Amino acid sequence: MLPAKDALTICFAHAAYRMQDRFALRGTGIRSIEVRDRAALDAGLAEADVLVVSGLWNDALIQRAPKLRFIQSISAGVDQYGKDALRAAGIRLASAQGANARAVSEHAMALILALSRLLPEARDNQAKRVWRGMIGDLARREDELGGKTLLIVGLGRIGGRLAQLAKAFDLKVIGIRRDPSGGRNGADEVHGLDRLKVLLPQADVVALTCPLTPETEGLIGAEALALMKPSAHLINVARGRVCVEAAVIEALAQGRIAGAALDCTEVEPLAADSPLWAMPNVLITPHTAGETRRYEDNVIDLLLENLGRLWRGENALKNQIV
C-alpha cells in the first residue's frame, strides 16, 4: 500500500508544532517536508505519501494529493475529516487518541486543585500586591478535596487516568461512560450516560473528559446545571460544545454553581467580549491541556507504529478511523 521506506515522503502540516524537528531525531532516513499554513500545504501535498496533520486539513485537499495513502492525525479529534471521502480515495486515517491522555488528565487535576485552593484569586492578588488577611467566612476560604465527590463524564483513557490521580487526593470518584460494562477504570463506581441527572446532585466537582458526539453535544445545559450543587465546580477539558456556553455563563453569574475551569469553549479562540473573561469564578486555559513538551514525540510514536503495520501488510491500524 505504501512505497518502500527509501521512497516514502511524509508531509508534516501544523501551524506551530515542531513535528519535523522531533522526527529527525529518530534517524529513520525517511524523507519529510514541513508546512505551516494552508497555502504551503496546497503547494507541497502532491509529493506526500503520508500526511501528519490536524487543523489544516480540509477534504478538498484530497484532489491535490494523488500519492496520499495514509493520514496520521495530530489530534485525537477527527471531526474535520470526511471518512467517506477518504475511504473512496483509498486513504487510511488514524487518530492520535491517547497521545495526550496523561497530559490532559494532569491538566484537569491541576484545574480542580486551582479552583479548590483559590489559585486564580491568589495570582490576581499578587498582581495587585495584596496580602490577603485571614477570613472568618468559611465559604470564602480555600478548600480540601478529601472526602468530596468527583463525577467524571467520559471514563476513557483521559477520564480513567484522572480517576487515578483523584484517588490520590482521597476523592470519591464516580464515572460515566457509554458502556459501563467496559469497567470502572480507576473509579469507585461507573454508570451509563442515562444516569447523569441522578448523579449530578451528588458531585462536588464535575469533570468533562468525553468526546464530542451527538449524545454529548450540549450535554451540560441549563437543566444539568440546575441539578448541580451551588458549591460545585465544573471542569471542561473535553470539547466546548459539550456545554451550552450561555447556560454556563448564566449559572456562574447567578451563583447556581461556584466556579468553572474551561480549557475549551464553543468557539475558539474565545471572543474578546465574552463575559467568561472577566468572571472572578472562572479559570480559562486556551485549549492547551494536551499541549506539552512531549506531545510531538507521542504522535510520532503512533505514526511509526502505524507505518510499520502498513509496511507489514497488516489491515488494522492503531487508533484506526478509516
Protein backbone atom coordinates (compact mmCIF):
# COMPACT_ATOMS: atom_id res chain seq x y z
CA MET A 1 0.00 0.00 0.00
CA LEU A 2 2.84 2.39 0.84
CA PRO A 3 6.08 2.96 -1.05
CA ALA A 4 9.17 1.43 0.47
CA LYS A 5 10.87 3.32 3.28
CA ASP A 6 13.53 4.83 0.99
CA ALA A 7 10.91 6.06 -1.47
CA LEU A 8 8.41 7.46 1.05
CA THR A 9 7.71 11.16 1.65
CA ILE A 10 5.97 12.38 4.82
CA CYS A 11 4.44 15.84 4.98
CA PHE A 12 4.12 17.35 8.46
CA ALA A 13 1.48 20.09 8.44
CA HIS A 14 0.89 22.19 11.54
CA ALA A 15 1.00 25.91 12.27
CA ALA A 16 3.09 25.60 15.43
CA TYR A 17 4.18 22.09 16.40
CA ARG A 18 7.81 21.04 15.79
CA MET A 19 6.94 17.71 14.21
CA GLN A 20 9.74 17.53 11.66
CA ASP A 21 12.41 18.56 14.19
CA ARG A 22 11.36 15.78 16.57
CA PHE A 23 11.01 13.26 13.72
CA ALA A 24 14.54 13.99 12.51
CA LEU A 25 15.91 12.94 15.91
CA ARG A 26 14.59 9.41 15.31
CA GLY A 27 17.11 8.86 12.49
CA THR A 28 14.67 6.92 10.32
CA GLY A 29 16.13 8.01 7.00
CA ILE A 30 12.62 8.75 5.72
CA ARG A 31 12.26 11.91 3.64
CA SER A 32 9.98 14.54 5.10
CA ILE A 33 8.77 18.06 4.40
CA GLU A 34 7.10 20.52 6.75
CA VAL A 35 4.46 23.17 6.02
CA ARG A 36 3.00 25.79 8.33
CA ASP A 37 -0.07 27.12 6.52
CA ARG A 38 -2.75 26.10 4.05
CA ALA A 39 -1.05 27.72 1.06
CA ALA A 40 2.16 25.77 1.67
CA LEU A 41 0.14 22.60 2.19
CA ASP A 42 -1.66 23.15 -1.11
CA ALA A 43 1.72 23.52 -2.83
CA GLY A 44 3.51 20.60 -1.18
CA LEU A 45 0.83 17.95 -0.80
CA ALA A 46 1.36 16.44 -4.24
CA GLU A 47 4.65 14.99 -3.01
CA ALA A 48 3.23 13.32 0.08
CA ASP A 49 2.57 9.62 0.56
CA VAL A 50 1.82 10.23 4.24
CA LEU A 51 0.34 13.35 5.82
CA VAL A 52 0.59 14.23 9.51
CA VAL A 53 -1.99 16.98 10.08
CA SER A 54 -4.87 18.28 12.17
CA GLY A 55 -6.36 21.78 11.86
CA LEU A 56 -5.01 22.47 8.37
CA TRP A 57 -6.96 19.60 6.86
CA ASN A 58 -9.90 20.11 4.51
CA ASP A 59 -11.47 17.39 2.36
CA ALA A 60 -10.86 19.48 -0.75
CA LEU A 61 -7.17 18.59 -0.29
CA ILE A 62 -7.88 15.06 -1.47
CA GLN A 63 -7.91 16.36 -5.06
CA ARG A 64 -4.38 17.74 -4.57
CA ALA A 65 -2.96 14.52 -3.14
CA PRO A 66 -2.64 11.84 -5.85
CA LYS A 67 0.00 9.88 -3.89
CA LEU A 68 -1.54 10.18 -0.44
CA ARG A 69 -2.29 6.83 1.20
CA PHE A 70 -2.24 7.48 4.94
CA ILE A 71 -3.11 10.37 7.28
CA GLN A 72 -1.90 10.30 10.86
CA SER A 73 -3.98 12.88 12.66
CA ILE A 74 -2.07 15.03 15.14
CA SER A 75 -5.23 15.41 17.19
CA ALA A 76 -7.41 12.89 19.00
CA GLY A 77 -10.50 14.52 17.49
CA VAL A 78 -11.20 13.69 13.84
CA ASP A 79 -14.36 15.71 13.16
CA GLN A 80 -12.64 17.62 10.34
CA TYR A 81 -12.08 14.52 8.20
CA GLY A 82 -14.69 13.23 5.76
CA LYS A 83 -14.45 9.50 6.37
CA ASP A 84 -16.46 8.53 3.28
CA ALA A 85 -14.38 10.80 1.07
CA LEU A 86 -11.13 9.36 2.41
CA ARG A 87 -12.41 5.82 2.02
CA ALA A 88 -13.41 6.48 -1.58
CA ALA A 89 -9.92 7.84 -2.30
CA GLY A 90 -8.21 4.85 -0.69
CA ILE A 91 -6.67 6.96 2.08
CA ARG A 92 -6.31 5.44 5.55
CA LEU A 93 -6.78 7.57 8.68
CA ALA A 94 -5.71 7.09 12.29
CA SER A 95 -6.27 9.43 15.22
CA ALA A 96 -3.87 10.49 17.95
CA GLN A 97 -6.18 9.21 20.65
CA GLY A 98 -4.23 8.52 23.83
CA ALA A 99 -1.25 10.67 22.86
CA ASN A 100 -2.37 13.35 25.30
CA ALA A 101 -4.15 11.21 27.91
CA ARG A 102 -1.56 11.80 30.60
CA ALA A 103 -1.25 15.50 29.79
CA VAL A 104 -4.99 16.24 29.73
CA SER A 105 -5.71 14.29 32.90
CA GLU A 106 -2.91 16.11 34.72
CA HIS A 107 -4.28 19.42 33.44
CA ALA A 108 -7.76 18.54 34.66
CA MET A 109 -6.39 17.68 38.09
CA ALA A 110 -4.47 20.96 38.13
CA LEU A 111 -7.67 22.88 37.34
CA ILE A 112 -9.54 21.07 40.12
CA LEU A 113 -6.80 22.00 42.58
CA ALA A 114 -6.60 25.57 41.33
CA LEU A 115 -10.30 26.20 41.94
CA SER A 116 -10.25 24.43 45.30
CA ARG A 117 -7.19 26.32 46.53
CA LEU A 118 -8.29 29.68 45.03
CA LEU A 119 -5.10 29.99 42.99
CA PRO A 120 -6.59 32.39 40.40
CA GLU A 121 -7.54 34.74 43.25
CA ALA A 122 -4.06 34.42 44.72
CA ARG A 123 -2.46 35.29 41.38
CA ASP A 124 -4.78 38.29 40.99
CA ASN A 125 -3.85 39.45 44.49
CA GLN A 126 -0.17 39.03 43.68
CA ALA A 127 -0.55 41.26 40.61
CA LYS A 128 -2.24 43.87 42.84
CA ARG A 129 0.35 43.38 45.64
CA VAL A 130 -2.41 42.45 48.06
CA TRP A 131 -1.60 40.24 51.06
CA ARG A 132 -4.95 38.76 51.91
CA GLY A 133 -5.78 38.59 55.58
CA MET A 134 -7.41 35.75 57.49
CA ILE A 135 -11.03 35.06 56.58
CA GLY A 136 -13.82 34.35 59.02
CA ASP A 137 -16.33 33.40 56.33
CA LEU A 138 -15.84 29.66 55.77
CA ALA A 139 -17.38 29.80 52.29
CA ARG A 140 -14.65 32.19 51.10
CA ARG A 141 -11.69 30.10 52.28
CA GLU A 142 -9.59 27.61 50.32
CA ASP A 143 -10.97 24.08 50.49
CA GLU A 144 -9.72 20.50 50.82
CA LEU A 145 -10.55 17.75 48.34
CA GLY A 146 -10.53 14.74 50.67
CA GLY A 147 -13.99 13.20 51.07
CA LYS A 148 -15.54 15.17 48.21
CA THR A 149 -17.12 13.55 45.14
CA LEU A 150 -15.78 13.89 41.62
CA LEU A 151 -18.08 12.97 38.74
CA ILE A 152 -16.12 12.20 35.57
CA VAL A 153 -18.17 12.27 32.38
CA GLY A 154 -16.19 10.17 29.93
CA LEU A 155 -14.26 7.38 31.64
CA GLY A 156 -11.94 6.55 28.76
CA ARG A 157 -8.16 6.95 28.74
CA ILE A 158 -8.20 10.55 29.97
CA GLY A 159 -11.05 10.06 32.43
CA GLY A 160 -9.55 6.86 33.76
CA ARG A 161 -6.19 8.50 34.35
CA LEU A 162 -7.94 11.43 36.06
CA ALA A 163 -9.74 8.95 38.30
CA GLN A 164 -6.41 7.50 39.41
CA LEU A 165 -5.00 10.96 40.16
CA ALA A 166 -8.13 11.96 42.06
CA LYS A 167 -7.96 8.90 44.29
CA ALA A 168 -4.56 10.09 45.49
CA PHE A 169 -6.38 13.16 46.89
CA ASP A 170 -8.96 10.95 48.65
CA LEU A 171 -11.80 11.97 46.36
CA LYS A 172 -14.71 9.64 45.79
CA VAL A 173 -14.83 9.11 42.04
CA ILE A 174 -17.98 8.30 40.06
CA GLY A 175 -17.53 7.64 36.37
CA ILE A 176 -19.92 7.86 33.43
CA ARG A 177 -19.10 6.04 30.23
CA ARG A 178 -21.00 4.99 27.13
CA ASP A 179 -20.67 1.31 28.02
CA PRO A 180 -20.42 0.75 31.79
CA SER A 181 -19.52 -2.89 31.17
CA GLY A 182 -16.13 -1.59 30.00
CA GLY A 183 -15.10 -1.40 33.64
CA ARG A 184 -14.53 1.14 36.40
CA ASN A 185 -11.16 2.29 35.01
CA GLY A 186 -9.98 3.66 38.37
CA ALA A 187 -13.35 5.00 39.56
CA ASP A 188 -15.22 3.79 42.64
CA GLU A 189 -18.32 3.18 40.55
CA VAL A 190 -19.35 3.54 36.94
CA HIS A 191 -22.69 4.28 35.27
CA GLY A 192 -24.15 4.94 31.84
CA LEU A 193 -24.96 8.38 30.48
CA ASP A 194 -28.62 7.81 31.30
CA ARG A 195 -27.73 8.25 35.00
CA LEU A 196 -26.28 11.74 34.59
CA LYS A 197 -29.26 13.59 36.08
CA VAL A 198 -29.26 11.34 39.14
CA LEU A 199 -25.51 11.72 39.70
CA LEU A 200 -25.08 15.48 39.15
CA PRO A 201 -26.59 16.47 42.54
CA GLN A 202 -24.05 14.23 44.29
CA ALA A 203 -20.97 15.83 42.75
CA ASP A 204 -18.73 18.49 44.25
CA VAL A 205 -16.74 18.57 41.01
CA VAL A 206 -18.00 17.64 37.53
CA ALA A 207 -15.17 16.95 35.07
CA LEU A 208 -15.90 16.58 31.36
CA THR A 209 -13.42 14.33 29.57
CA CYS A 210 -15.75 12.84 26.95
CA PRO A 211 -15.53 13.03 23.16
CA LEU A 212 -17.89 15.31 21.26
CA THR A 213 -20.65 13.11 19.85
CA PRO A 214 -24.34 13.62 19.07
CA GLU A 215 -25.04 12.25 22.56
CA THR A 216 -22.65 14.61 24.36
CA GLU A 217 -23.17 17.84 22.38
CA GLY A 218 -24.97 20.31 24.67
CA LEU A 219 -24.94 17.76 27.49
CA ILE A 220 -24.28 20.38 30.17
CA GLY A 221 -27.03 22.92 29.64
CA ALA A 222 -29.47 24.76 31.85
CA GLU A 223 -31.18 21.58 33.06
CA ALA A 224 -27.96 19.83 34.02
CA LEU A 225 -26.51 22.94 35.66
CA ALA A 226 -29.67 23.36 37.75
CA LEU A 227 -29.07 19.88 39.19
CA MET A 228 -25.54 20.69 40.37
CA LYS A 229 -24.75 21.86 43.90
CA PRO A 230 -24.34 25.64 44.31
CA SER A 231 -20.91 24.82 45.74
CA ALA A 232 -19.88 22.63 42.79
CA HIS A 233 -17.15 23.29 40.23
CA LEU A 234 -17.35 22.47 36.51
CA ILE A 235 -14.18 21.38 34.69
CA ASN A 236 -14.18 21.08 30.89
CA VAL A 237 -11.17 19.53 29.17
CA ALA A 238 -13.36 17.81 26.53
CA ARG A 239 -14.82 20.00 23.78
CA GLY A 240 -16.51 23.37 24.13
CA ARG A 241 -19.77 22.22 22.60
CA VAL A 242 -20.29 19.60 25.29
CA CYS A 243 -21.51 22.62 27.30
CA VAL A 244 -24.15 25.17 26.36
CA GLU A 245 -21.95 28.18 26.96
CA ALA A 246 -24.73 30.71 27.52
CA ALA A 247 -26.24 28.46 30.19
CA VAL A 248 -22.87 28.08 31.91
CA ILE A 249 -22.38 31.86 31.94
CA GLU A 250 -25.83 32.39 33.42
CA ALA A 251 -25.32 29.74 36.10
CA LEU A 252 -21.98 31.26 37.10
CA ALA A 253 -23.34 34.81 37.13
CA GLN A 254 -26.29 33.83 39.32
CA GLY A 255 -24.21 31.71 41.70
CA ARG A 256 -26.01 28.49 40.80
CA ILE A 257 -22.57 26.84 40.59
CA ALA A 258 -19.48 28.07 42.42
CA GLY A 259 -16.99 28.13 39.58
CA ALA A 260 -15.72 26.70 36.32
CA ALA A 261 -12.36 25.91 34.76
CA LEU A 262 -12.57 25.76 30.97
CA ASP A 263 -9.87 24.57 28.61
CA CYS A 264 -12.22 24.75 25.63
CA THR A 265 -15.10 26.93 24.50
CA GLU A 266 -17.88 26.71 21.91
CA VAL A 267 -15.96 28.97 19.52
CA GLU A 268 -12.17 29.19 19.69
CA PRO A 269 -10.45 31.45 20.28
CA LEU A 270 -12.90 32.78 22.85
CA ALA A 271 -14.34 36.11 21.71
CA ALA A 272 -12.82 39.15 23.38
CA ASP A 273 -16.26 40.32 24.51
CA SER A 274 -17.23 37.03 26.18
CA PRO A 275 -18.35 37.53 29.80
CA LEU A 276 -16.25 34.49 30.76
CA TRP A 277 -13.02 36.52 30.60
CA ALA A 278 -14.00 38.82 33.45
CA MET A 279 -15.77 36.37 35.76
CA PRO A 280 -13.84 36.00 39.02
CA ASN A 281 -15.08 32.42 39.47
CA VAL A 282 -13.80 31.26 36.06
CA LEU A 283 -10.36 29.97 35.11
CA ILE A 284 -9.63 29.79 31.38
CA THR A 285 -6.80 27.97 29.65
CA PRO A 286 -6.61 28.28 25.83
CA HIS A 287 -7.18 24.64 24.81
CA THR A 288 -3.69 23.73 26.00
CA ALA A 289 -4.48 20.75 28.21
CA GLY A 290 -2.87 18.32 25.78
CA GLU A 291 -0.08 20.59 24.58
CA THR A 292 3.12 19.55 26.37
CA ARG A 293 6.80 19.38 25.50
CA ARG A 294 6.36 15.67 24.79
CA TYR A 295 3.31 15.86 22.53
CA GLU A 296 5.12 15.73 19.18
CA ASP A 297 7.05 12.64 20.28
CA ASN A 298 3.84 10.94 21.41
CA VAL A 299 2.29 11.48 17.97
CA ILE A 300 5.46 10.31 16.21
CA ASP A 301 5.34 7.09 18.24
CA LEU A 302 1.85 6.47 16.83
CA LEU A 303 2.97 7.41 13.31
CA LEU A 304 5.89 4.98 13.32
CA GLU A 305 3.76 2.20 14.77
CA ASN A 306 1.18 2.64 12.02
CA LEU A 307 3.79 2.90 9.25
CA GLY A 308 5.23 -0.39 10.47
CA ARG A 309 1.82 -2.03 10.35
CA LEU A 310 1.18 -0.77 6.82
CA TRP A 311 4.57 -1.98 5.57
CA ARG A 312 3.92 -5.39 7.11
CA GLY A 313 0.61 -5.57 5.28
CA GLU A 314 -1.49 -5.52 8.45
CA ASN A 315 -5.03 -4.30 7.99
CA ALA A 316 -5.65 -2.84 11.47
CA LEU A 317 -4.05 0.47 12.43
CA LYS A 318 -3.59 1.80 15.94
CA ASN A 319 -6.47 4.25 16.58
CA GLN A 320 -7.86 3.38 13.15
CA ILE A 321 -10.68 5.59 11.84
CA VAL A 322 -10.61 4.64 8.13
